[in-house]
Amino acid sequence: MKKTDRRKIVLVGTGMVGMSYAYALLNQNLCDELALIDLNEKKAQGEAMDLNHGVAFSGGNMEIYAGKYADCQDADLVVLTAGLPQKEGESRLDLLKENRKIFQEILTEIMQSGFHGIFLIATNPVDIMSRVVCEISGFPPEKVIGTGTALDTARLRYLLGEKFMIDPRNMHAYVMGEHGDSEFVPWSQAMMSTKPIFDLCSETEGCHFQELLEIEEEVRMAAYKIIAAKKATYYGIGMAMSRITKAIFGNEYSVLTVSAYLNGEYGEKGIFIGVPCVVNREGIDRIVELPLGAEEKKRLHLSCETLEQTYQDIVQQ
């Protein structure tokens, strides 16, 4: 994509997640045209008006408006945040049945428009919803990207940076698997710059592996804690979505832990799950296969089994 090309996004869902993303797009000047779609058309109009009043303070001249599904026809990116929100005490997988029905209706409208760009999905449970989008739309898997464990990875890097007093951007560690309870950190691959995290921990007074496991658990429980405190999470995921968008429109070939379709990678097939991927203008260019340890491979397999079983349970109902 040339820099002079017009970058168009259609955002379906103007809840807190969707609008946190839209606000990030405006502030970072990540697109030229943004259409907002919501079941509540009046809300979409109000959100567009509110954002437009900030354009003069932004770094560009973004066109923002309340759109229709027909606007998807020439969009580069359709971003899906619509769906029921996660309630306190509710797992992401509990959301599947309701949100799958909602997506069936939305995708019918989008496909009728003639859309042929890239899907970015943030609706939870995101791994399964990404699979739903791929199967209903018939799109090539590389054109369907879920936010996966991108936010979980950012949470991990933040906590590791705080622990070791290092800029989080220099903590190279990933969260893999389901964006949810079965996610895990492959600690064998975690680095500070080029220094293995195990070496860094051994050189840090008072640091031990159990503390790293506690950080992993804190990452896993972060969303539940935020929901208990303020009923929803949206800023972090909005930033994660904007980062993925930047990688797509900038043709960056950046490595991000997004929800991608496994077709033999890591010995798994037919599953959308959070793994490190190279993201560019065409979507997912390739999946990065890390040399996981034996226990880490087991945890990834368990996460895949969890998602597959849940998906099949819903499909068979």
C-alpha atoms as a PDB file:
ATOM      1  CA  MET A   1       0.000   0.000   0.000  1.00  0.00           C
ATOM      2  CA  LYS A   2       1.431   3.363  -1.025  1.00  0.00           C
ATOM      3  CA  LYS A   3       1.463   6.219   1.456  1.00  0.00           C
ATOM      4  CA  THR A   4      -0.780   8.227  -0.878  1.00  0.00           C
ATOM      5  CA  ASP A   5      -3.473   5.542  -0.862  1.00  0.00           C
ATOM      6  CA  ARG A   6      -6.590   6.301   1.138  1.00  0.00           C
ATOM      7  CA  ARG A   7      -6.821   4.147   4.259  1.00  0.00           C
ATOM      8  CA  LYS A   8     -10.439   3.290   5.040  1.00  0.00           C
ATOM      9  CA  ILE A   9     -11.725   1.514   8.150  1.00  0.00           C
ATOM     10  CA  VAL A  10     -15.260   0.449   9.005  1.00  0.00           C
ATOM     11  CA  LEU A  11     -15.748  -0.072  12.732  1.00  0.00           C
ATOM     12  CA  VAL A  12     -18.720  -2.225  13.738  1.00  0.00           C
ATOM     13  CA  GLY A  13     -19.601  -1.579  17.367  1.00  0.00           C
ATOM     14  CA  THR A  14     -19.361   1.807  19.106  1.00  0.00           C
ATOM     15  CA  GLY A  15     -19.107   0.607  22.682  1.00  0.00           C
ATOM     16  CA  MET A  16     -16.194   1.489  24.936  1.00  0.00           C
ATOM     17  CA  VAL A  17     -13.773  -0.874  23.174  1.00  0.00           C
ATOM     18  CA  GLY A  18     -14.703   0.354  19.728  1.00  0.00           C
ATOM     19  CA  MET A  19     -14.535   4.015  20.676  1.00  0.00           C
ATOM     20  CA  SER A  20     -11.246   3.607  22.564  1.00  0.00           C
ATOM     21  CA  TYR A  21      -9.889   2.223  19.300  1.00  0.00           C
ATOM     22  CA  ALA A  22     -11.440   5.037  17.259  1.00  0.00           C
ATOM     23  CA  TYR A  23      -9.965   7.635  19.622  1.00  0.00           C
ATOM     24  CA  ALA A  24      -6.537   6.020  19.273  1.00  0.00           C
ATOM     25  CA  LEU A  25      -6.889   6.043  15.477  1.00  0.00           C
ATOM     26  CA  LEU A  26      -7.643   9.758  15.507  1.00  0.00           C
ATOM     27  CA  ASN A  27      -4.811  10.651  17.849  1.00  0.00           C
ATOM     28  CA  GLN A  28      -2.270   8.581  15.921  1.00  0.00           C
ATOM     29  CA  ASN A  29      -3.602   9.569  12.484  1.00  0.00           C
ATOM     30  CA  LEU A  30      -3.783   5.916  11.459  1.00  0.00           C
ATOM     31  CA  CYS A  31      -6.430   6.179   8.764  1.00  0.00           C
ATOM     32  CA  ASP A  32      -8.029   8.684   6.391  1.00  0.00           C
ATOM     33  CA  GLU A  33     -11.648   7.541   6.566  1.00  0.00           C
ATOM     34  CA  LEU A  34     -13.525   5.977   9.467  1.00  0.00           C
ATOM     35  CA  ALA A  35     -17.127   4.768   9.245  1.00  0.00           C
ATOM     36  CA  LEU A  36     -18.901   3.884  12.495  1.00  0.00           C
ATOM     37  CA  ILE A  37     -21.674   1.286  12.499  1.00  0.00           C
ATOM     38  CA  ASP A  38     -23.838   0.382  15.461  1.00  0.00           C
ATOM     39  CA  LEU A  39     -27.244  -1.155  16.048  1.00  0.00           C
ATOM     40  CA  ASN A  40     -27.993   2.138  17.795  1.00  0.00           C
ATOM     41  CA  GLU A  41     -27.575   4.468  14.807  1.00  0.00           C
ATOM     42  CA  LYS A  42     -28.095   7.583  16.917  1.00  0.00           C
ATOM     43  CA  LYS A  43     -25.165   6.608  19.133  1.00  0.00           C
ATOM     44  CA  ALA A  44     -22.931   6.090  16.098  1.00  0.00           C
ATOM     45  CA  GLN A  45     -23.892   9.570  14.871  1.00  0.00           C
ATOM     46  CA  GLY A  46     -23.116  11.110  18.243  1.00  0.00           C
ATOM     47  CA  GLU A  47     -19.759   9.354  18.479  1.00  0.00           C
ATOM     48  CA  ALA A  48     -18.816  10.521  14.985  1.00  0.00           C
ATOM     49  CA  MET A  49     -19.766  14.085  15.855  1.00  0.00           C
ATOM     50  CA  ASP A  50     -17.731  13.995  19.070  1.00  0.00           C
ATOM     51  CA  LEU A  51     -14.636  12.661  17.295  1.00  0.00           C
ATOM     52  CA  ASN A  52     -14.977  15.156  14.443  1.00  0.00           C
ATOM     53  CA  HIS A  53     -14.799  18.021  16.920  1.00  0.00           C
ATOM     54  CA  GLY A  54     -11.276  16.879  17.796  1.00  0.00           C
ATOM     55  CA  VAL A  55      -9.963  16.563  14.221  1.00  0.00           C
ATOM     56  CA  ALA A  56      -8.526  20.089  14.301  1.00  0.00           C
ATOM     57  CA  PHE A  57      -6.245  18.997  17.137  1.00  0.00           C
ATOM     58  CA  SER A  58      -5.109  15.798  15.399  1.00  0.00           C
ATOM     59  CA  GLY A  59      -2.248  15.190  13.004  1.00  0.00           C
ATOM     60  CA  GLY A  60      -4.438  14.773   9.941  1.00  0.00           C
ATOM     61  CA  ASN A  61      -7.824  15.418   8.398  1.00  0.00           C
ATOM     62  CA  MET A  62      -9.650  12.161   9.033  1.00  0.00           C
ATOM     63  CA  GLU A  63     -13.157  11.816   7.615  1.00  0.00           C
ATOM     64  CA  ILE A  64     -15.386  10.325  10.323  1.00  0.00           C
ATOM     65  CA  TYR A  65     -19.076   9.512   9.939  1.00  0.00           C
ATOM     66  CA  ALA A  66     -21.874   7.152  10.950  1.00  0.00           C
ATOM     67  CA  GLY A  67     -21.935   4.577   8.182  1.00  0.00           C
ATOM     68  CA  LYS A  68     -23.913   1.706   6.735  1.00  0.00           C
ATOM     69  CA  TYR A  69     -22.829  -1.830   5.911  1.00  0.00           C
ATOM     70  CA  ALA A  70     -22.618  -0.794   2.264  1.00  0.00           C
ATOM     71  CA  ASP A  71     -19.579   1.290   3.279  1.00  0.00           C
ATOM     72  CA  CYS A  72     -17.649  -1.958   3.779  1.00  0.00           C
ATOM     73  CA  GLN A  73     -17.490  -2.467   0.018  1.00  0.00           C
ATOM     74  CA  ASP A  74     -14.283  -0.446  -0.483  1.00  0.00           C
ATOM     75  CA  ALA A  75     -12.909  -0.618   3.060  1.00  0.00           C
ATOM     76  CA  ASP A  76      -9.360  -1.811   3.659  1.00  0.00           C
ATOM     77  CA  LEU A  77     -10.186  -2.983   7.158  1.00  0.00           C
ATOM     78  CA  VAL A  78     -13.414  -3.991   8.870  1.00  0.00           C
ATOM     79  CA  VAL A  79     -13.003  -4.019  12.630  1.00  0.00           C
ATOM     80  CA  LEU A  80     -15.463  -5.976  14.753  1.00  0.00           C
ATOM     81  CA  THR A  81     -16.005  -4.987  18.380  1.00  0.00           C
ATOM     82  CA  ALA A  82     -19.769  -5.582  18.479  1.00  0.00           C
ATOM     83  CA  GLY A  83     -21.211  -8.098  20.880  1.00  0.00           C
ATOM     84  CA  LEU A  84     -22.243  -8.511  24.462  1.00  0.00           C
ATOM     85  CA  PRO A  85     -19.711  -7.319  27.059  1.00  0.00           C
ATOM     86  CA  GLN A  86     -18.062  -9.637  29.542  1.00  0.00           C
ATOM     87  CA  LYS A  87     -19.779  -9.518  32.933  1.00  0.00           C
ATOM     88  CA  GLU A  88     -18.116  -9.780  36.311  1.00  0.00           C
ATOM     89  CA  GLY A  89     -17.383 -13.407  37.108  1.00  0.00           C
ATOM     90  CA  GLU A  90     -18.083 -14.515  33.539  1.00  0.00           C
ATOM     91  CA  SER A  91     -15.343 -16.240  31.522  1.00  0.00           C
ATOM     92  CA  ARG A  92     -14.701 -15.181  27.941  1.00  0.00           C
ATOM     93  CA  LEU A  93     -15.808 -18.585  26.715  1.00  0.00           C
ATOM     94  CA  ASP A  94     -19.234 -18.120  28.343  1.00  0.00           C
ATOM     95  CA  LEU A  95     -19.835 -15.294  25.890  1.00  0.00           C
ATOM     96  CA  LEU A  96     -19.524 -17.480  22.809  1.00  0.00           C
ATOM     97  CA  LYS A  97     -23.084 -18.626  22.255  1.00  0.00           C
ATOM     98  CA  GLU A  98     -24.587 -15.132  22.320  1.00  0.00           C
ATOM     99  CA  ASN A  99     -21.866 -13.387  20.348  1.00  0.00           C
ATOM    100  CA  ARG A 100     -21.785 -16.056  17.641  1.00  0.00           C
ATOM    101  CA  LYS A 101     -25.443 -15.336  16.849  1.00  0.00           C
ATOM    102  CA  ILE A 102     -24.754 -11.607  16.691  1.00  0.00           C
ATOM    103  CA  PHE A 103     -21.820 -12.155  14.322  1.00  0.00           C
ATOM    104  CA  GLN A 104     -23.854 -14.277  11.936  1.00  0.00           C
ATOM    105  CA  GLU A 105     -26.193 -11.340  11.344  1.00  0.00           C
ATOM    106  CA  ILE A 106     -23.381  -8.791  11.050  1.00  0.00           C
ATOM    107  CA  LEU A 107     -21.279 -10.882   8.658  1.00  0.00           C
ATOM    108  CA  THR A 108     -24.234 -11.488   6.355  1.00  0.00           C
ATOM    109  CA  GLU A 109     -24.547  -7.716   5.913  1.00  0.00           C
ATOM    110  CA  ILE A 110     -20.798  -7.200   5.446  1.00  0.00           C
ATOM    111  CA  MET A 111     -20.422  -9.927   2.824  1.00  0.00           C
ATOM    112  CA  GLN A 112     -23.402  -8.615   0.869  1.00  0.00           C
ATOM    113  CA  SER A 113     -21.502  -5.314   0.485  1.00  0.00           C
ATOM    114  CA  GLY A 114     -18.737  -7.008  -1.505  1.00  0.00           C
ATOM    115  CA  PHE A 115     -16.056  -6.411   1.136  1.00  0.00           C
ATOM    116  CA  HIS A 116     -12.683  -7.939   0.217  1.00  0.00           C
ATOM    117  CA  GLY A 117     -10.223  -6.419   2.696  1.00  0.00           C
ATOM    118  CA  ILE A 118      -8.983  -7.621   6.086  1.00  0.00           C
ATOM    119  CA  PHE A 119     -11.019  -8.447   9.194  1.00  0.00           C
ATOM    120  CA  LEU A 120      -9.734  -7.405  12.632  1.00  0.00           C
ATOM    121  CA  ILE A 121     -11.710  -8.932  15.506  1.00  0.00           C
ATOM    122  CA  ALA A 122     -11.700  -7.863  19.150  1.00  0.00           C
ATOM    123  CA  THR A 123     -15.027  -9.313  20.353  1.00  0.00           C
ATOM    124  CA  ASN A 124     -14.568 -11.990  23.024  1.00  0.00           C
ATOM    125  CA  PRO A 125     -13.935 -14.847  23.135  1.00  0.00           C
ATOM    126  CA  VAL A 126     -11.690 -13.508  20.397  1.00  0.00           C
ATOM    127  CA  ASP A 127     -10.018 -16.742  19.274  1.00  0.00           C
ATOM    128  CA  ILE A 128     -13.317 -18.485  18.640  1.00  0.00           C
ATOM    129  CA  MET A 129     -14.960 -15.368  17.203  1.00  0.00           C
ATOM    130  CA  SER A 130     -12.058 -15.121  14.736  1.00  0.00           C
ATOM    131  CA  ARG A 131     -12.781 -18.695  13.675  1.00  0.00           C
ATOM    132  CA  VAL A 132     -16.467 -17.856  13.341  1.00  0.00           C
ATOM    133  CA  VAL A 133     -15.632 -14.903  11.081  1.00  0.00           C
ATOM    134  CA  CYS A 134     -13.328 -17.004   8.919  1.00  0.00           C
ATOM    135  CA  GLU A 135     -15.830 -19.839   8.508  1.00  0.00           C
ATOM    136  CA  ILE A 136     -18.904 -17.688   7.873  1.00  0.00           C
ATOM    137  CA  SER A 137     -17.146 -15.236   5.535  1.00  0.00           C
ATOM    138  CA  GLY A 138     -15.143 -17.846   3.639  1.00  0.00           C
ATOM    139  CA  PHE A 139     -12.153 -15.481   3.739  1.00  0.00           C
ATOM    140  CA  PRO A 140      -8.590 -16.824   3.525  1.00  0.00           C
ATOM    141  CA  PRO A 141      -7.319 -17.300   7.104  1.00  0.00           C
ATOM    142  CA  GLU A 142      -4.510 -14.780   6.599  1.00  0.00           C
ATOM    143  CA  LYS A 143      -7.146 -12.075   6.043  1.00  0.00           C
ATOM    144  CA  VAL A 144      -8.761 -12.731   9.436  1.00  0.00           C
ATOM    145  CA  ILE A 145      -6.861 -11.408  12.453  1.00  0.00           C
ATOM    146  CA  GLY A 146      -7.996 -11.576  16.058  1.00  0.00           C
ATOM    147  CA  THR A 147      -6.422  -9.390  18.717  1.00  0.00           C
ATOM    148  CA  GLY A 148      -5.428 -12.649  20.410  1.00  0.00           C
ATOM    149  CA  THR A 149      -2.886 -12.235  23.190  1.00  0.00           C
ATOM    150  CA  ALA A 150      -1.530  -8.888  21.973  1.00  0.00           C
ATOM    151  CA  LEU A 151      -2.897  -7.106  25.052  1.00  0.00           C
ATOM    152  CA  ASP A 152      -1.840  -9.920  27.383  1.00  0.00           C
ATOM    153  CA  THR A 153       1.669  -9.636  25.966  1.00  0.00           C
ATOM    154  CA  ALA A 154       1.664  -5.885  26.594  1.00  0.00           C
ATOM    155  CA  ARG A 155       0.541  -6.504  30.188  1.00  0.00           C
ATOM    156  CA  LEU A 156       3.375  -9.013  30.617  1.00  0.00           C
ATOM    157  CA  ARG A 157       5.991  -6.636  29.234  1.00  0.00           C
ATOM    158  CA  TYR A 158       4.729  -3.869  31.500  1.00  0.00           C
ATOM    159  CA  LEU A 159       4.965  -6.022  34.624  1.00  0.00           C
ATOM    160  CA  LEU A 160       8.395  -7.384  33.694  1.00  0.00           C
ATOM    161  CA  GLY A 161       9.620  -3.856  33.027  1.00  0.00           C
ATOM    162  CA  GLU A 162       8.305  -2.784  36.414  1.00  0.00           C
ATOM    163  CA  LYS A 163       9.969  -5.751  38.122  1.00  0.00           C
ATOM    164  CA  PHE A 164      13.405  -5.297  36.530  1.00  0.00           C
ATOM    165  CA  MET A 165      13.243  -1.490  36.096  1.00  0.00           C
ATOM    166  CA  ILE A 166      13.547  -1.780  32.312  1.00  0.00           C
ATOM    167  CA  ASP A 167      11.579  -0.022  29.583  1.00  0.00           C
ATOM    168  CA  PRO A 168       8.740  -2.472  28.710  1.00  0.00           C
ATOM    169  CA  ARG A 169       9.595  -2.005  25.035  1.00  0.00           C
ATOM    170  CA  ASN A 170      12.895  -3.773  25.737  1.00  0.00           C
ATOM    171  CA  MET A 171      11.238  -6.752  27.405  1.00  0.00           C
ATOM    172  CA  HIS A 172      10.773  -9.333  24.679  1.00  0.00           C
ATOM    173  CA  ALA A 173       8.365 -11.896  26.052  1.00  0.00           C
ATOM    174  CA  TYR A 174       5.085 -13.296  24.766  1.00  0.00           C
ATOM    175  CA  VAL A 175       1.812 -14.614  26.092  1.00  0.00           C
ATOM    176  CA  MET A 176       0.562 -17.460  23.897  1.00  0.00           C
ATOM    177  CA  GLY A 177      -2.572 -19.549  23.610  1.00  0.00           C
ATOM    178  CA  GLU A 178      -6.201 -18.661  24.260  1.00  0.00           C
ATOM    179  CA  HIS A 179      -6.914 -15.072  25.201  1.00  0.00           C
ATOM    180  CA  GLY A 180      -8.271 -16.318  28.486  1.00  0.00           C
ATOM    181  CA  ASP A 181      -7.784 -18.793  31.278  1.00  0.00           C
ATOM    182  CA  SER A 182      -5.516 -21.287  29.459  1.00  0.00           C
ATOM    183  CA  GLU A 183      -3.019 -18.721  28.162  1.00  0.00           C
ATOM    184  CA  PHE A 184       0.619 -19.125  29.201  1.00  0.00           C
ATOM    185  CA  VAL A 185       4.065 -17.534  28.987  1.00  0.00           C
ATOM    186  CA  PRO A 186       6.836 -19.513  27.237  1.00  0.00           C
ATOM    187  CA  TRP A 187       9.514 -18.378  29.671  1.00  0.00           C
ATOM    188  CA  SER A 188      12.235 -20.235  27.764  1.00  0.00           C
ATOM    189  CA  GLN A 189      11.839 -17.625  25.011  1.00  0.00           C
ATOM    190  CA  ALA A 190      11.590 -14.511  27.226  1.00  0.00           C
ATOM    191  CA  MET A 191      14.372 -11.929  26.886  1.00  0.00           C
ATOM    192  CA  MET A 192      15.482  -8.543  28.162  1.00  0.00           C
ATOM    193  CA  SER A 193      17.059  -7.185  24.990  1.00  0.00           C
ATOM    194  CA  THR A 194      19.113 -10.283  24.053  1.00  0.00           C
ATOM    195  CA  LYS A 195      19.561 -11.543  27.629  1.00  0.00           C
ATOM    196  CA  PRO A 196      17.440 -14.558  28.654  1.00  0.00           C
ATOM    197  CA  ILE A 197      14.969 -13.717  31.407  1.00  0.00           C
ATOM    198  CA  PHE A 198      16.262 -16.635  33.500  1.00  0.00           C
ATOM    199  CA  ASP A 199      19.776 -15.129  33.457  1.00  0.00           C
ATOM    200  CA  LEU A 200      18.398 -11.701  34.331  1.00  0.00           C
ATOM    201  CA  CYS A 201      16.387 -13.171  37.205  1.00  0.00           C
ATOM    202  CA  SER A 202      19.386 -15.069  38.612  1.00  0.00           C
ATOM    203  CA  GLU A 203      21.392 -11.827  38.661  1.00  0.00           C
ATOM    204  CA  THR A 204      18.616  -9.870  40.385  1.00  0.00           C
ATOM    205  CA  GLU A 205      18.538 -10.006  44.160  1.00  0.00           C
ATOM    206  CA  GLY A 206      15.443 -11.689  45.493  1.00  0.00           C
ATOM    207  CA  CYS A 207      14.236 -12.866  42.073  1.00  0.00           C
ATOM    208  CA  HIS A 208      13.205 -16.494  41.626  1.00  0.00           C
ATOM    209  CA  PHE A 209      11.146 -18.439  39.099  1.00  0.00           C
ATOM    210  CA  GLN A 210       8.124 -18.511  41.402  1.00  0.00           C
ATOM    211  CA  GLU A 211       7.987 -14.730  41.136  1.00  0.00           C
ATOM    212  CA  LEU A 212       7.862 -14.992  37.345  1.00  0.00           C
ATOM    213  CA  LEU A 213       4.976 -17.431  37.674  1.00  0.00           C
ATOM    214  CA  GLU A 214       3.198 -14.925  39.912  1.00  0.00           C
ATOM    215  CA  ILE A 215       3.621 -12.276  37.208  1.00  0.00           C
ATOM    216  CA  GLU A 216       2.156 -14.732  34.684  1.00  0.00           C
ATOM    217  CA  GLU A 217      -0.856 -15.276  36.935  1.00  0.00           C
ATOM    218  CA  GLU A 218      -1.285 -11.533  37.383  1.00  0.00           C
ATOM    219  CA  VAL A 219      -1.397 -11.143  33.605  1.00  0.00           C
ATOM    220  CA  ARG A 220      -3.946 -13.952  33.333  1.00  0.00           C
ATOM    221  CA  MET A 221      -6.209 -12.382  35.963  1.00  0.00           C
ATOM    222  CA  ALA A 222      -5.768  -8.750  34.890  1.00  0.00           C
ATOM    223  CA  ALA A 223      -9.021  -8.440  32.953  1.00  0.00           C
ATOM    224  CA  TYR A 224     -11.053  -9.931  35.797  1.00  0.00           C
ATOM    225  CA  LYS A 225      -9.531  -7.449  38.267  1.00  0.00           C
ATOM    226  CA  ILE A 226     -10.210  -4.482  35.990  1.00  0.00           C
ATOM    227  CA  ILE A 227     -13.794  -5.616  35.377  1.00  0.00           C
ATOM    228  CA  ALA A 228     -14.348  -5.992  39.118  1.00  0.00           C
ATOM    229  CA  ALA A 229     -13.052  -2.443  39.641  1.00  0.00           C
ATOM    230  CA  LYS A 230     -14.631  -0.554  36.720  1.00  0.00           C
ATOM    231  CA  LYS A 231     -17.002  -3.034  34.989  1.00  0.00           C
ATOM    232  CA  ALA A 232     -15.089  -3.238  31.681  1.00  0.00           C
ATOM    233  CA  THR A 233     -11.676  -3.033  30.000  1.00  0.00           C
ATOM    234  CA  TYR A 234     -11.203  -0.888  26.916  1.00  0.00           C
ATOM    235  CA  TYR A 235      -8.166   1.443  26.860  1.00  0.00           C
ATOM    236  CA  GLY A 236      -5.542  -1.285  26.624  1.00  0.00           C
ATOM    237  CA  ILE A 237      -7.340  -3.275  23.938  1.00  0.00           C
ATOM    238  CA  GLY A 238      -8.004  -0.082  21.975  1.00  0.00           C
ATOM    239  CA  MET A 239      -4.261   0.586  21.940  1.00  0.00           C
ATOM    240  CA  ALA A 240      -3.528  -3.023  20.951  1.00  0.00           C
ATOM    241  CA  MET A 241      -5.950  -2.755  18.036  1.00  0.00           C
ATOM    242  CA  SER A 242      -4.367   0.496  16.880  1.00  0.00           C
ATOM    243  CA  ARG A 243      -0.933  -1.162  16.975  1.00  0.00           C
ATOM    244  CA  ILE A 244      -2.163  -4.013  14.767  1.00  0.00           C
ATOM    245  CA  THR A 245      -3.751  -1.476  12.413  1.00  0.00           C
ATOM    246  CA  LYS A 246      -0.468   0.430  12.198  1.00  0.00           C
ATOM    247  CA  ALA A 247       1.358  -2.777  11.283  1.00  0.00           C
ATOM    248  CA  ILE A 248      -1.173  -3.496   8.519  1.00  0.00           C
ATOM    249  CA  PHE A 249      -1.339  -0.048   6.935  1.00  0.00           C
ATOM    250  CA  GLY A 250       2.396   0.516   7.331  1.00  0.00           C
ATOM    251  CA  ASN A 251       3.201  -2.869   5.754  1.00  0.00           C
ATOM    252  CA  GLU A 252       5.569  -3.282   8.697  1.00  0.00           C
ATOM    253  CA  TYR A 253       6.176  -7.034   8.844  1.00  0.00           C
ATOM    254  CA  SER A 254       5.985  -6.591  12.628  1.00  0.00           C
ATOM    255  CA  VAL A 255       5.827  -9.576  14.983  1.00  0.00           C
ATOM    256  CA  LEU A 256       2.665  -9.385  17.085  1.00  0.00           C
ATOM    257  CA  THR A 257       0.887 -12.035  19.169  1.00  0.00           C
ATOM    258  CA  VAL A 258      -2.436 -12.088  17.363  1.00  0.00           C
ATOM    259  CA  SER A 259      -5.065 -14.780  16.972  1.00  0.00           C
ATOM    260  CA  ALA A 260      -4.163 -16.659  13.801  1.00  0.00           C
ATOM    261  CA  TYR A 261      -5.181 -19.872  12.058  1.00  0.00           C
ATOM    262  CA  LEU A 262      -2.834 -22.774  12.702  1.00  0.00           C
ATOM    263  CA  ASN A 263      -2.360 -25.121   9.758  1.00  0.00           C
ATOM    264  CA  GLY A 264       0.242 -27.509  11.099  1.00  0.00           C
ATOM    265  CA  GLU A 265       2.315 -24.950  13.017  1.00  0.00           C
ATOM    266  CA  TYR A 266       3.168 -26.162  16.531  1.00  0.00           C
ATOM    267  CA  GLY A 267       1.610 -29.497  15.523  1.00  0.00           C
ATOM    268  CA  GLU A 268      -1.908 -28.005  15.601  1.00  0.00           C
ATOM    269  CA  LYS A 269      -4.483 -27.519  12.859  1.00  0.00           C
ATOM    270  CA  GLY A 270      -7.850 -25.829  12.389  1.00  0.00           C
ATOM    271  CA  ILE A 271      -7.579 -23.514  15.410  1.00  0.00           C
ATOM    272  CA  PHE A 272      -7.391 -19.732  15.752  1.00  0.00           C
ATOM    273  CA  ILE A 273      -5.158 -18.983  18.726  1.00  0.00           C
ATOM    274  CA  GLY A 274      -2.710 -16.355  19.991  1.00  0.00           C
ATOM    275  CA  VAL A 275       0.783 -16.931  18.561  1.00  0.00           C
ATOM    276  CA  PRO A 276       3.580 -14.622  17.347  1.00  0.00           C
ATOM    277  CA  CYS A 277       2.851 -13.636  13.742  1.00  0.00           C
ATOM    278  CA  VAL A 278       4.413 -11.427  11.095  1.00  0.00           C
ATOM    279  CA  VAL A 279       1.763  -8.831  10.196  1.00  0.00           C
ATOM    280  CA  ASN A 280       1.845  -6.744   7.015  1.00  0.00           C
ATOM    281  CA  ARG A 281      -0.442  -5.114   4.433  1.00  0.00           C
ATOM    282  CA  GLU A 282      -1.801  -8.490   3.335  1.00  0.00           C
ATOM    283  CA  GLY A 283      -2.733  -9.529   6.868  1.00  0.00           C
ATOM    284  CA  ILE A 284      -0.825 -12.385   8.469  1.00  0.00           C
ATOM    285  CA  ASP A 285       2.273 -12.993   6.375  1.00  0.00           C
ATOM    286  CA  ARG A 286       3.428 -15.994   8.405  1.00  0.00           C
ATOM    287  CA  ILE A 287       3.381 -17.554  11.846  1.00  0.00           C
ATOM    288  CA  VAL A 288       6.594 -17.509  13.862  1.00  0.00           C
ATOM    289  CA  GLU A 289       7.233 -20.934  15.383  1.00  0.00           C
ATOM    290  CA  LEU A 290       9.194 -20.568  18.604  1.00  0.00           C
ATOM    291  CA  PRO A 291      11.317 -23.497  19.876  1.00  0.00           C
ATOM    292  CA  LEU A 292       9.081 -24.217  22.848  1.00  0.00           C
ATOM    293  CA  GLY A 293      10.105 -26.516  25.665  1.00  0.00           C
ATOM    294  CA  ALA A 294       8.258 -29.794  26.256  1.00  0.00           C
ATOM    295  CA  GLU A 295       6.039 -28.374  29.018  1.00  0.00           C
ATOM    296  CA  GLU A 296       5.306 -25.247  26.962  1.00  0.00           C
ATOM    297  CA  LYS A 297       4.217 -27.406  24.018  1.00  0.00           C
ATOM    298  CA  LYS A 298       1.855 -29.265  26.334  1.00  0.00           C
ATOM    299  CA  ARG A 299       0.332 -25.999  27.543  1.00  0.00           C
ATOM    300  CA  LEU A 300      -0.216 -24.763  23.992  1.00  0.00           C
ATOM    301  CA  HIS A 301      -1.831 -28.080  23.070  1.00  0.00           C
ATOM    302  CA  LEU A 302      -4.081 -27.875  26.133  1.00  0.00           C
ATOM    303  CA  SER A 303      -5.119 -24.352  25.161  1.00  0.00           C
ATOM    304  CA  CYS A 304      -5.930 -25.544  21.634  1.00  0.00           C
ATOM    305  CA  GLU A 305      -7.975 -28.424  23.046  1.00  0.00           C
ATOM    306  CA  THR A 306      -9.901 -26.034  25.289  1.00  0.00           C
ATOM    307  CA  LEU A 307     -10.848 -23.811  22.360  1.00  0.00           C
ATOM    308  CA  GLU A 308     -11.696 -26.722  20.058  1.00  0.00           C
ATOM    309  CA  GLN A 309     -13.927 -28.412  22.633  1.00  0.00           C
ATOM    310  CA  THR A 310     -15.783 -25.207  23.399  1.00  0.00           C
ATOM    311  CA  TYR A 311     -16.283 -24.461  19.712  1.00  0.00           C
ATOM    312  CA  GLN A 312     -17.608 -27.955  18.995  1.00  0.00           C
ATOM    313  CA  ASP A 313     -19.971 -27.806  21.970  1.00  0.00           C
ATOM    314  CA  ILE A 314     -21.540 -24.638  20.595  1.00  0.00           C
ATOM    315  CA  VAL A 315     -21.690 -25.862  16.989  1.00  0.00           C
ATOM    316  CA  GLN A 316     -23.458 -29.058  18.013  1.00  0.00           C
ATOM    317  CA  GLN A 317     -26.171 -27.236  19.971  1.00  0.00           C
END
